[in-house]
Amino acid sequence: NPDLVRANGVDPDKRSVVFVGRITQQKGLPYLLKAARELPS
């Protein structure tokens, strides 16, 4: 459903790492944001 993906600001034709979750300590989002510095551009 590429149109629905684009409607949320994401390019469906490009590679992506996706996180889904509430912003809580247990979900560990800050660690992902730090790890993301090492992802391909």
Full PDB file with SEQRES, HELIX, SHEET, SSBOND, CRYST1, ORIGX, SCALE, CONECT and MASTER records, all heavy atoms in Angstrom:
SEQRES   1 A   41  ASN PRO ASP LEU VAL ARG ALA ASN GLY VAL ASP PRO ASP          
SEQRES   2 A   41  LYS ARG SER VAL VAL PHE VAL GLY ARG ILE THR GLN GLN          
SEQRES   3 A   41  LYS GLY LEU PRO TYR LEU LEU LYS ALA ALA ARG GLU LEU          
SEQRES   4 A   41  PRO SER                                                      
HELIX    1 AA1 PRO A    2  ALA A    7  1                                   6    
HELIX    2 AA2 GLN A   25  LYS A   27  5                                   3    
HELIX    3 AA3 LEU A   29  ALA A   35  1                                   7    
HELIX    4 AA4 ALA A   36  GLU A   38  5                                   3    
CRYST1    1.000    1.000    1.000  90.00  90.00  90.00 P 1           1          
ORIGX1      1.000000  0.000000  0.000000        0.00000                         
ORIGX2      0.000000  1.000000  0.000000        0.00000                         
ORIGX3      0.000000  0.000000  1.000000        0.00000                         
SCALE1      1.000000  0.000000  0.000000        0.00000                         
SCALE2      0.000000  1.000000  0.000000        0.00000                         
SCALE3      0.000000  0.000000  1.000000        0.00000                         
ATOM      1  N   ASN A   1       0.848  -1.191   0.000  1.00  0.00           N  
ATOM      2  CA  ASN A   1       0.000   0.000   0.000  1.00  0.00           C  
ATOM      3  C   ASN A   1       0.885   1.243   0.000  1.00  0.00           C  
ATOM      4  O   ASN A   1       0.961   1.983   0.991  1.00  0.00           O  
ATOM      5  CB  ASN A   1      -0.923  -0.008   1.221  1.00  0.00           C  
ATOM      6  CG  ASN A   1      -2.094   0.941   1.067  1.00  0.00           C  
ATOM      7  OD1 ASN A   1      -2.010   1.922   0.324  1.00  0.00           O  
ATOM      8  ND2 ASN A   1      -3.180   0.672   1.768  1.00  0.00           N  
ATOM      9  N   PRO A   2       1.578   1.491  -1.117  1.00  0.00           N  
ATOM     10  CA  PRO A   2       2.561   2.580  -1.145  1.00  0.00           C  
ATOM     11  C   PRO A   2       1.971   3.955  -0.878  1.00  0.00           C  
ATOM     12  O   PRO A   2       2.633   4.815  -0.284  1.00  0.00           O  
ATOM     13  CB  PRO A   2       3.162   2.484  -2.549  1.00  0.00           C  
ATOM     14  CG  PRO A   2       2.158   1.721  -3.357  1.00  0.00           C  
ATOM     15  CD  PRO A   2       1.507   0.775  -2.405  1.00  0.00           C  
ATOM     16  N   ASP A   3       0.747   4.190  -1.307  1.00  0.00           N  
ATOM     17  CA  ASP A   3       0.140   5.511  -1.088  1.00  0.00           C  
ATOM     18  C   ASP A   3      -0.047   5.793   0.394  1.00  0.00           C  
ATOM     19  O   ASP A   3       0.175   6.918   0.857  1.00  0.00           O  
ATOM     20  CB  ASP A   3      -1.200   5.609  -1.821  1.00  0.00           C  
ATOM     21  CG  ASP A   3      -1.040   5.630  -3.336  1.00  0.00           C  
ATOM     22  OD1 ASP A   3       0.070   5.951  -3.799  1.00  0.00           O  
ATOM     23  OD2 ASP A   3      -2.019   5.315  -4.033  1.00  0.00           O  
ATOM     24  N   LEU A   4      -0.457   4.773   1.147  1.00  0.00           N  
ATOM     25  CA  LEU A   4      -0.648   4.940   2.586  1.00  0.00           C  
ATOM     26  C   LEU A   4       0.685   5.167   3.294  1.00  0.00           C  
ATOM     27  O   LEU A   4       0.774   5.938   4.257  1.00  0.00           O  
ATOM     28  CB  LEU A   4      -1.353   3.708   3.154  1.00  0.00           C  
ATOM     29  CG  LEU A   4      -2.100   3.862   4.490  1.00  0.00           C  
ATOM     30  CD1 LEU A   4      -3.039   5.054   4.458  1.00  0.00           C  
ATOM     31  CD2 LEU A   4      -2.863   2.583   4.804  1.00  0.00           C  
ATOM     32  N   VAL A   5       1.727   4.516   2.797  1.00  0.00           N  
ATOM     33  CA  VAL A   5       3.070   4.704   3.359  1.00  0.00           C  
ATOM     34  C   VAL A   5       3.552   6.130   3.081  1.00  0.00           C  
ATOM     35  O   VAL A   5       4.042   6.826   3.980  1.00  0.00           O  
ATOM     36  CB  VAL A   5       4.049   3.663   2.778  1.00  0.00           C  
ATOM     37  CG1 VAL A   5       5.477   3.939   3.246  1.00  0.00           C  
ATOM     38  CG2 VAL A   5       3.624   2.253   3.179  1.00  0.00           C  
ATOM     39  N   ARG A   6       3.387   6.579   1.856  1.00  0.00           N  
ATOM     40  CA  ARG A   6       3.808   7.944   1.490  1.00  0.00           C  
ATOM     41  C   ARG A   6       3.033   8.990   2.282  1.00  0.00           C  
ATOM     42  O   ARG A   6       3.582  10.046   2.646  1.00  0.00           O  
ATOM     43  CB  ARG A   6       3.606   8.178  -0.005  1.00  0.00           C  
ATOM     44  CG  ARG A   6       4.576   7.425  -0.898  1.00  0.00           C  
ATOM     45  CD  ARG A   6       4.510   7.901  -2.346  1.00  0.00           C  
ATOM     46  NE  ARG A   6       5.348   7.074  -3.208  1.00  0.00           N  
ATOM     47  CZ  ARG A   6       4.897   6.021  -3.892  1.00  0.00           C  
ATOM     48  NH1 ARG A   6       3.612   5.681  -3.823  1.00  0.00           N  
ATOM     49  NH2 ARG A   6       5.724   5.301  -4.640  1.00  0.00           N  
ATOM     50  N   ALA A   7       1.768   8.714   2.558  1.00  0.00           N  
ATOM     51  CA  ALA A   7       0.946   9.671   3.307  1.00  0.00           C  
ATOM     52  C   ALA A   7       1.498   9.917   4.707  1.00  0.00           C  
ATOM     53  O   ALA A   7       1.200  10.949   5.323  1.00  0.00           O  
ATOM     54  CB  ALA A   7      -0.489   9.166   3.391  1.00  0.00           C  
ATOM     55  N   ASN A   8       2.325   8.994   5.197  1.00  0.00           N  
ATOM     56  CA  ASN A   8       2.954   9.159   6.504  1.00  0.00           C  
ATOM     57  C   ASN A   8       4.406   9.615   6.401  1.00  0.00           C  
ATOM     58  O   ASN A   8       5.168   9.513   7.373  1.00  0.00           O  
ATOM     59  CB  ASN A   8       2.856   7.848   7.281  1.00  0.00           C  
ATOM     60  CG  ASN A   8       1.468   7.627   7.855  1.00  0.00           C  
ATOM     61  OD1 ASN A   8       1.076   8.283   8.819  1.00  0.00           O  
ATOM     62  ND2 ASN A   8       0.706   6.731   7.243  1.00  0.00           N  
ATOM     63  N   GLY A   9       4.788  10.103   5.220  1.00  0.00           N  
ATOM     64  CA  GLY A   9       6.104  10.707   5.051  1.00  0.00           C  
ATOM     65  C   GLY A   9       7.232   9.748   4.756  1.00  0.00           C  
ATOM     66  O   GLY A   9       8.408  10.126   4.806  1.00  0.00           O  
ATOM     67  N   VAL A  10       6.892   8.497   4.427  1.00  0.00           N  
ATOM     68  CA  VAL A  10       7.904   7.470   4.189  1.00  0.00           C  
ATOM     69  C   VAL A  10       7.921   7.104   2.712  1.00  0.00           C  
ATOM     70  O   VAL A  10       6.864   6.985   2.077  1.00  0.00           O  
ATOM     71  CB  VAL A  10       7.620   6.215   5.047  1.00  0.00           C  
ATOM     72  CG1 VAL A  10       8.667   5.137   4.785  1.00  0.00           C  
ATOM     73  CG2 VAL A  10       7.569   6.592   6.521  1.00  0.00           C  
ATOM     74  N   ASP A  11       9.133   6.935   2.153  1.00  0.00           N  
ATOM     75  CA  ASP A  11       9.280   6.528   0.759  1.00  0.00           C  
ATOM     76  C   ASP A  11       9.295   4.999   0.694  1.00  0.00           C  
ATOM     77  O   ASP A  11      10.262   4.366   1.146  1.00  0.00           O  
ATOM     78  CB  ASP A  11      10.580   7.092   0.185  1.00  0.00           C  
ATOM     79  CG  ASP A  11      10.713   6.835  -1.317  1.00  0.00           C  
ATOM     80  OD1 ASP A  11      10.005   5.944  -1.835  1.00  0.00           O  
ATOM     81  OD2 ASP A  11      11.536   7.518  -1.961  1.00  0.00           O  
ATOM     82  N   PRO A  12       8.255   4.377   0.137  1.00  0.00           N  
ATOM     83  CA  PRO A  12       8.193   2.903   0.109  1.00  0.00           C  
ATOM     84  C   PRO A  12       9.222   2.270  -0.818  1.00  0.00           C  
ATOM     85  O   PRO A  12       9.452   1.055  -0.761  1.00  0.00           O  
ATOM     86  CB  PRO A  12       6.769   2.619  -0.369  1.00  0.00           C  
ATOM     87  CG  PRO A  12       6.390   3.831  -1.155  1.00  0.00           C  
ATOM     88  CD  PRO A  12       7.075   4.980  -0.506  1.00  0.00           C  
ATOM     89  N   ASP A  13       9.848   3.085  -1.662  1.00  0.00           N  
ATOM     90  CA  ASP A  13      10.836   2.561  -2.604  1.00  0.00           C  
ATOM     91  C   ASP A  13      12.251   2.571  -2.037  1.00  0.00           C  
ATOM     92  O   ASP A  13      13.185   2.097  -2.692  1.00  0.00           O  
ATOM     93  CB  ASP A  13      10.791   3.372  -3.904  1.00  0.00           C  
ATOM     94  CG  ASP A  13       9.430   3.281  -4.592  1.00  0.00           C  
ATOM     95  OD1 ASP A  13       8.849   2.171  -4.584  1.00  0.00           O  
ATOM     96  OD2 ASP A  13       8.949   4.308  -5.102  1.00  0.00           O  
ATOM     97  N   LYS A  14      12.412   3.114  -0.834  1.00  0.00           N  
ATOM     98  CA  LYS A  14      13.725   3.131  -0.187  1.00  0.00           C  
ATOM     99  C   LYS A  14      13.746   2.179   1.004  1.00  0.00           C  
ATOM    100  O   LYS A  14      12.707   1.865   1.590  1.00  0.00           O  
ATOM    101  CB  LYS A  14      14.058   4.554   0.298  1.00  0.00           C  
ATOM    102  CG  LYS A  14      14.312   5.557  -0.815  1.00  0.00           C  
ATOM    103  CD  LYS A  14      14.707   6.910  -0.228  1.00  0.00           C  
ATOM    104  CE  LYS A  14      15.014   7.920  -1.316  1.00  0.00           C  
ATOM    105  NZ  LYS A  14      15.363   9.248  -0.743  1.00  0.00           N  
ATOM    106  N   ARG A  15      14.937   1.735   1.348  1.00  0.00           N  
ATOM    107  CA  ARG A  15      15.082   0.858   2.511  1.00  0.00           C  
ATOM    108  C   ARG A  15      14.708   1.613   3.789  1.00  0.00           C  
ATOM    109  O   ARG A  15      14.900   2.827   3.894  1.00  0.00           O  
ATOM    110  CB  ARG A  15      16.511   0.338   2.622  1.00  0.00           C  
ATOM    111  CG  ARG A  15      16.920  -0.574   1.477  1.00  0.00           C  
ATOM    112  CD  ARG A  15      18.239  -1.280   1.793  1.00  0.00           C  
ATOM    113  NE  ARG A  15      19.355  -0.339   1.945  1.00  0.00           N  
ATOM    114  CZ  ARG A  15      20.571  -0.673   2.390  1.00  0.00           C  
ATOM    115  NH1 ARG A  15      20.812  -1.934   2.744  1.00  0.00           N  
ATOM    116  NH2 ARG A  15      21.523   0.227   2.472  1.00  0.00           N  
ATOM    117  N   SER A  16      14.214   0.860   4.766  1.00  0.00           N  
ATOM    118  CA  SER A  16      13.822   1.516   6.016  1.00  0.00           C  
ATOM    119  C   SER A  16      13.969   0.570   7.200  1.00  0.00           C  
ATOM    120  O   SER A  16      13.793  -0.644   7.077  1.00  0.00           O  
ATOM    121  CB  SER A  16      12.379   2.030   5.946  1.00  0.00           C  
ATOM    122  OG  SER A  16      11.474   0.954   5.753  1.00  0.00           O  
ATOM    123  N   VAL A  17      14.306   1.161   8.330  1.00  0.00           N  
ATOM    124  CA  VAL A  17      14.245   0.499   9.633  1.00  0.00           C  
ATOM    125  C   VAL A  17      13.090   1.153  10.375  1.00  0.00           C  
ATOM    126  O   VAL A  17      13.056   2.368  10.541  1.00  0.00           O  
ATOM    127  CB  VAL A  17      15.557   0.667  10.427  1.00  0.00           C  
ATOM    128  CG1 VAL A  17      15.375   0.193  11.873  1.00  0.00           C  
ATOM    129  CG2 VAL A  17      16.688  -0.090   9.753  1.00  0.00           C  
ATOM    130  N   VAL A  18      12.138   0.335  10.818  1.00  0.00           N  
ATOM    131  CA  VAL A  18      10.904   0.862  11.417  1.00  0.00           C  
ATOM    132  C   VAL A  18      10.808   0.451  12.881  1.00  0.00           C  
ATOM    133  O   VAL A  18      11.074  -0.697  13.241  1.00  0.00           O  
ATOM    134  CB  VAL A  18       9.669   0.370  10.636  1.00  0.00           C  
ATOM    135  CG1 VAL A  18       8.377   0.774  11.347  1.00  0.00           C  
ATOM    136  CG2 VAL A  18       9.679   0.930   9.216  1.00  0.00           C  
ATOM    137  N   PHE A  19      10.423   1.418  13.698  1.00  0.00           N  
ATOM    138  CA  PHE A  19      10.112   1.189  15.116  1.00  0.00           C  
ATOM    139  C   PHE A  19       8.660   1.555  15.341  1.00  0.00           C  
ATOM    140  O   PHE A  19       8.190   2.591  14.858  1.00  0.00           O  
ATOM    141  CB  PHE A  19      11.014   2.060  16.002  1.00  0.00           C  
ATOM    142  CG  PHE A  19      10.583   2.120  17.453  1.00  0.00           C  
ATOM    143  CD1 PHE A  19      11.098   1.235  18.380  1.00  0.00           C  
ATOM    144  CD2 PHE A  19       9.666   3.079  17.894  1.00  0.00           C  
ATOM    145  CE1 PHE A  19      10.703   1.281  19.718  1.00  0.00           C  
ATOM    146  CE2 PHE A  19       9.270   3.140  19.223  1.00  0.00           C  
ATOM    147  CZ  PHE A  19       9.790   2.238  20.133  1.00  0.00           C  
ATOM    148  N   VAL A  20       7.942   0.722  16.094  1.00  0.00           N  
ATOM    149  CA  VAL A  20       6.564   1.026  16.475  1.00  0.00           C  
ATOM    150  C   VAL A  20       6.426   0.803  17.971  1.00  0.00           C  
ATOM    151  O   VAL A  20       6.727  -0.282  18.473  1.00  0.00           O  
ATOM    152  CB  VAL A  20       5.541   0.134  15.732  1.00  0.00           C  
ATOM    153  CG1 VAL A  20       4.124   0.428  16.216  1.00  0.00           C  
ATOM    154  CG2 VAL A  20       5.637   0.336  14.223  1.00  0.00           C  
ATOM    155  N   GLY A  21       5.985   1.822  18.690  1.00  0.00           N  
ATOM    156  CA  GLY A  21       5.798   1.639  20.129  1.00  0.00           C  
ATOM    157  C   GLY A  21       5.551   2.944  20.852  1.00  0.00           C  
ATOM    158  O   GLY A  21       5.780   4.034  20.310  1.00  0.00           O  
ATOM    159  N   ARG A  22       5.086   2.813  22.075  1.00  0.00           N  
ATOM    160  CA  ARG A  22       4.911   3.990  22.919  1.00  0.00           C  
ATOM    161  C   ARG A  22       6.281   4.502  23.371  1.00  0.00           C  
ATOM    162  O   ARG A  22       7.266   3.762  23.385  1.00  0.00           O  
ATOM    163  CB  ARG A  22       4.055   3.647  24.137  1.00  0.00           C  
ATOM    164  CG  ARG A  22       2.597   3.365  23.800  1.00  0.00           C  
ATOM    165  CD  ARG A  22       1.808   2.927  25.024  1.00  0.00           C  
ATOM    166  NE  ARG A  22       2.283   1.651  25.543  1.00  0.00           N  
ATOM    167  CZ  ARG A  22       2.769   1.469  26.759  1.00  0.00           C  
ATOM    168  NH1 ARG A  22       2.878   2.488  27.590  1.00  0.00           N  
ATOM    169  NH2 ARG A  22       3.166   0.267  27.155  1.00  0.00           N  
ATOM    170  N   ILE A  23       6.326   5.778  23.722  1.00  0.00           N  
ATOM    171  CA  ILE A  23       7.574   6.367  24.201  1.00  0.00           C  
ATOM    172  C   ILE A  23       7.652   6.150  25.707  1.00  0.00           C  
ATOM    173  O   ILE A  23       7.156   6.945  26.513  1.00  0.00           O  
ATOM    174  CB  ILE A  23       7.647   7.867  23.836  1.00  0.00           C  
ATOM    175  CG1 ILE A  23       7.556   8.051  22.316  1.00  0.00           C  
ATOM    176  CG2 ILE A  23       8.948   8.479  24.358  1.00  0.00           C  
ATOM    177  CD1 ILE A  23       7.466   9.497  21.869  1.00  0.00           C  
ATOM    178  N   THR A  24       8.230   5.030  26.066  1.00  0.00           N  
ATOM    179  CA  THR A  24       8.420   4.673  27.472  1.00  0.00           C  
ATOM    180  C   THR A  24       9.835   4.146  27.644  1.00  0.00           C  
ATOM    181  O   THR A  24      10.491   3.752  26.667  1.00  0.00           O  
ATOM    182  CB  THR A  24       7.438   3.571  27.913  1.00  0.00           C  
ATOM    183  OG1 THR A  24       7.800   2.346  27.265  1.00  0.00           O  
ATOM    184  CG2 THR A  24       6.001   3.911  27.541  1.00  0.00           C  
ATOM    185  N   GLN A  25      10.280   4.119  28.882  1.00  0.00           N  
ATOM    186  CA  GLN A  25      11.637   3.614  29.127  1.00  0.00           C  
ATOM    187  C   GLN A  25      11.782   2.171  28.674  1.00  0.00           C  
ATOM    188  O   GLN A  25      12.822   1.776  28.152  1.00  0.00           O  
ATOM    189  CB  GLN A  25      11.981   3.746  30.616  1.00  0.00           C  
ATOM    190  CG  GLN A  25      12.177   5.188  31.060  1.00  0.00           C  
ATOM    191  CD  GLN A  25      13.008   5.287  32.327  1.00  0.00           C  
ATOM    192  OE1 GLN A  25      13.980   4.560  32.512  1.00  0.00           O  
ATOM    193  NE2 GLN A  25      12.638   6.208  33.203  1.00  0.00           N  
ATOM    194  N   GLN A  26      10.732   1.373  28.876  1.00  0.00           N  
ATOM    195  CA  GLN A  26      10.867  -0.051  28.590  1.00  0.00           C  
ATOM    196  C   GLN A  26      11.030  -0.341  27.104  1.00  0.00           C  
ATOM    197  O   GLN A  26      11.572  -1.382  26.729  1.00  0.00           O  
ATOM    198  CB  GLN A  26       9.666  -0.813  29.148  1.00  0.00           C  
ATOM    199  CG  GLN A  26       8.362  -0.567  28.425  1.00  0.00           C  
ATOM    200  CD  GLN A  26       7.164  -1.145  29.158  1.00  0.00           C  
ATOM    201  OE1 GLN A  26       6.879  -0.745  30.279  1.00  0.00           O  
ATOM    202  NE2 GLN A  26       6.459  -2.062  28.527  1.00  0.00           N  
ATOM    203  N   LYS A  27      10.562   0.558  26.230  1.00  0.00           N  
ATOM    204  CA  LYS A  27      10.636   0.311  24.785  1.00  0.00           C  
ATOM    205  C   LYS A  27      12.021   0.601  24.202  1.00  0.00           C  
ATOM    206  O   LYS A  27      12.303   0.233  23.061  1.00  0.00           O  
ATOM    207  CB  LYS A  27       9.584   1.128  24.041  1.00  0.00           C  
ATOM    208  CG  LYS A  27       8.147   0.777  24.409  1.00  0.00           C  
ATOM    209  CD  LYS A  27       7.802  -0.672  24.102  1.00  0.00           C  
ATOM    210  CE  LYS A  27       6.364  -1.007  24.466  1.00  0.00           C  
ATOM    211  NZ  LYS A  27       6.039  -2.434  24.235  1.00  0.00           N  
ATOM    212  N   GLY A  28      12.880   1.268  24.974  1.00  0.00           N  
ATOM    213  CA  GLY A  28      14.281   1.407  24.573  1.00  0.00           C  
ATOM    214  C   GLY A  28      14.553   2.299  23.375  1.00  0.00           C  
ATOM    215  O   GLY A  28      15.611   2.177  22.739  1.00  0.00           O  
ATOM    216  N   LEU A  29      13.644   3.204  23.046  1.00  0.00           N  
ATOM    217  CA  LEU A  29      13.818   4.045  21.860  1.00  0.00           C  
ATOM    218  C   LEU A  29      15.106   4.866  21.880  1.00  0.00           C  
ATOM    219  O   LEU A  29      15.765   5.003  20.831  1.00  0.00           O  
ATOM    220  CB  LEU A  29      12.598   4.953  21.688  1.00  0.00           C  
ATOM    221  CG  LEU A  29      12.568   5.875  20.472  1.00  0.00           C  
ATOM    222  CD1 LEU A  29      12.823   5.119  19.175  1.00  0.00           C  
ATOM    223  CD2 LEU A  29      11.236   6.632  20.405  1.00  0.00           C  
ATOM    224  N   PRO A  30      15.535   5.427  23.011  1.00  0.00           N  
ATOM    225  CA  PRO A  30      16.803   6.177  23.001  1.00  0.00           C  
ATOM    226  C   PRO A  30      17.998   5.358  22.516  1.00  0.00           C  
ATOM    227  O   PRO A  30      18.904   5.901  21.856  1.00  0.00           O  
ATOM    228  CB  PRO A  30      16.971   6.610  24.465  1.00  0.00           C  
ATOM    229  CG  PRO A  30      15.572   6.708  24.978  1.00  0.00           C  
ATOM    230  CD  PRO A  30      14.849   5.561  24.314  1.00  0.00           C  
ATOM    231  N   TYR A  31      18.010   4.057  22.816  1.00  0.00           N  
ATOM    232  CA  TYR A  31      19.131   3.216  22.367  1.00  0.00           C  
ATOM    233  C   TYR A  31      19.110   3.059  20.846  1.00  0.00           C  
ATOM    234  O   TYR A  31      20.158   3.078  20.200  1.00  0.00           O  
ATOM    235  CB  TYR A  31      19.073   1.842  23.047  1.00  0.00           C  
ATOM    236  CG  TYR A  31      18.988   1.931  24.555  1.00  0.00           C  
ATOM    237  CD1 TYR A  31      17.865   1.480  25.238  1.00  0.00           C  
ATOM    238  CD2 TYR A  31      20.028   2.496  25.302  1.00  0.00           C  
ATOM    239  CE1 TYR A  31      17.769   1.565  26.613  1.00  0.00           C  
ATOM    240  CE2 TYR A  31      19.941   2.595  26.679  1.00  0.00           C  
ATOM    241  CZ  TYR A  31      18.808   2.134  27.332  1.00  0.00           C  
ATOM    242  OH  TYR A  31      18.721   2.243  28.698  1.00  0.00           O  
ATOM    243  N   LEU A  32      17.920   2.936  20.274  1.00  0.00           N  
ATOM    244  CA  LEU A  32      17.809   2.845  18.822  1.00  0.00           C  
ATOM    245  C   LEU A  32      18.274   4.140  18.164  1.00  0.00           C  
ATOM    246  O   LEU A  32      18.971   4.112  17.135  1.00  0.00           O  
ATOM    247  CB  LEU A  32      16.366   2.531  18.415  1.00  0.00           C  
ATOM    248  CG  LEU A  32      16.077   2.541  16.907  1.00  0.00           C  
ATOM    249  CD1 LEU A  32      16.913   1.485  16.182  1.00  0.00           C  
ATOM    250  CD2 LEU A  32      14.588   2.312  16.649  1.00  0.00           C  
ATOM    251  N   LEU A  33      17.895   5.273  18.739  1.00  0.00           N  
ATOM    252  CA  LEU A  33      18.290   6.556  18.158  1.00  0.00           C  
ATOM    253  C   LEU A  33      19.806   6.736  18.174  1.00  0.00           C  
ATOM    254  O   LEU A  33      20.373   7.340  17.253  1.00  0.00           O  
ATOM    255  CB  LEU A  33      17.605   7.700  18.919  1.00  0.00           C  
ATOM    256  CG  LEU A  33      16.094   7.807  18.665  1.00  0.00           C  
ATOM    257  CD1 LEU A  33      15.441   8.725  19.689  1.00  0.00           C  
ATOM    258  CD2 LEU A  33      15.826   8.307  17.251  1.00  0.00           C  
ATOM    259  N   LYS A  34      20.455   6.192  19.182  1.00  0.00           N  
ATOM    260  CA  LYS A  34      21.923   6.250  19.220  1.00  0.00           C  
ATOM    261  C   LYS A  34      22.532   5.261  18.232  1.00  0.00           C  
ATOM    262  O   LYS A  34      23.513   5.579  17.549  1.00  0.00           O  
ATOM    263  CB  LYS A  34      22.417   5.974  20.641  1.00  0.00           C  
ATOM    264  CG  LYS A  34      22.014   7.069  21.631  1.00  0.00           C  
ATOM    265  CD  LYS A  34      22.341   6.696  23.068  1.00  0.00           C  
ATOM    266  CE  LYS A  34      21.855   7.776  24.034  1.00  0.00           C  
ATOM    267  NZ  LYS A  34      22.098   7.424  25.452  1.00  0.00           N  
ATOM    268  N   ALA A  35      21.931   4.075  18.130  1.00  0.00           N  
ATOM    269  CA  ALA A  35      22.431   3.069  17.191  1.00  0.00           C  
ATOM    270  C   ALA A  35      22.260   3.522  15.748  1.00  0.00           C  
ATOM    271  O   ALA A  35      23.063   3.160  14.863  1.00  0.00           O  
ATOM    272  CB  ALA A  35      21.701   1.747  17.411  1.00  0.00           C  
ATOM    273  N   ALA A  36      21.229   4.319  15.482  1.00  0.00           N  
ATOM    274  CA  ALA A  36      20.914   4.738  14.111  1.00  0.00           C  
ATOM    275  C   ALA A  36      22.001   5.593  13.480  1.00  0.00           C  
ATOM    276  O   ALA A  36      22.032   5.746  12.255  1.00  0.00           O  
ATOM    277  CB  ALA A  36      19.585   5.498  14.097  1.00  0.00           C  
ATOM    278  N   ARG A  37      22.891   6.133  14.281  1.00  0.00           N  
ATOM    279  CA  ARG A  37      24.022   6.897  13.720  1.00  0.00           C  
ATOM    280  C   ARG A  37      24.907   6.031  12.829  1.00  0.00           C  
ATOM    281  O   ARG A  37      25.635   6.544  11.975  1.00  0.00           O  
ATOM    282  CB  ARG A  37      24.861   7.497  14.855  1.00  0.00           C  
ATOM    283  CG  ARG A  37      24.155   8.639  15.592  1.00  0.00           C  
ATOM    284  CD  ARG A  37      24.965   9.124  16.780  1.00  0.00           C  
ATOM    285  NE  ARG A  37      24.385  10.341  17.335  1.00  0.00           N  
ATOM    286  CZ  ARG A  37      24.759  11.582  17.038  1.00  0.00           C  
ATOM    287  NH1 ARG A  37      25.761  11.762  16.177  1.00  0.00           N  
ATOM    288  NH2 ARG A  37      24.175  12.636  17.569  1.00  0.00           N  
ATOM    289  N   GLU A  38      24.836   4.708  13.038  1.00  0.00           N  
ATOM    290  CA  GLU A  38      25.681   3.790  12.278  1.00  0.00           C  
ATOM    291  C   GLU A  38      24.978   3.198  11.061  1.00  0.00           C  
ATOM    292  O   GLU A  38      25.567   2.390  10.334  1.00  0.00           O  
ATOM    293  CB  GLU A  38      26.149   2.643  13.190  1.00  0.00           C  
ATOM    294  CG  GLU A  38      26.833   3.093  14.468  1.00  0.00           C  
ATOM    295  CD  GLU A  38      28.030   3.987  14.204  1.00  0.00           C  
ATOM    296  OE1 GLU A  38      28.778   3.701  13.246  1.00  0.00           O  
ATOM    297  OE2 GLU A  38      28.199   4.986  14.931  1.00  0.00           O  
ATOM    298  N   LEU A  39      23.728   3.580  10.809  1.00  0.00           N  
ATOM    299  CA  LEU A  39      23.000   3.045   9.654  1.00  0.00           C  
ATOM    300  C   LEU A  39      23.508   3.671   8.359  1.00  0.00           C  
ATOM    301  O   LEU A  39      23.952   4.835   8.353  1.00  0.00           O  
ATOM    302  CB  LEU A  39      21.504   3.328   9.791  1.00  0.00           C  
ATOM    303  CG  LEU A  39      20.745   2.620  10.911  1.00  0.00           C  
ATOM    304  CD1 LEU A  39      19.300   3.112  10.957  1.00  0.00           C  
ATOM    305  CD2 LEU A  39      20.801   1.110  10.736  1.00  0.00           C  
ATOM    306  N   PRO A  40      23.433   2.953   7.243  1.00  0.00           N  
ATOM    307  CA  PRO A  40      23.784   3.550   5.944  1.00  0.00           C  
ATOM    308  C   PRO A  40      22.928   4.803   5.680  1.00  0.00           C  
ATOM    309  O   PRO A  40      21.762   4.864   6.080  1.00  0.00           O  
ATOM    310  CB  PRO A  40      23.466   2.438   4.944  1.00  0.00           C  
ATOM    311  CG  PRO A  40      23.550   1.181   5.737  1.00  0.00           C  
ATOM    312  CD  PRO A  40      23.070   1.529   7.114  1.00  0.00           C  
ATOM    313  N   SER A  41      23.516   5.757   4.994  1.00  0.00           N  
ATOM    314  CA  SER A  41      22.849   7.054   4.812  1.00  0.00           C  
ATOM    315  C   SER A  41      21.569   6.965   3.995  1.00  0.00           C  
ATOM    316  O   SER A  41      20.673   7.809   4.128  1.00  0.00           O  
ATOM    317  CB  SER A  41      23.807   8.039   4.146  1.00  0.00           C  
ATOM    318  OG  SER A  41      24.226   7.538   2.886  1.00  0.00           O  
TER     319      SER A  41                                                      
MASTER        0    0    0    4    0    0    0    6  318    1    0    4          
END                                                                             
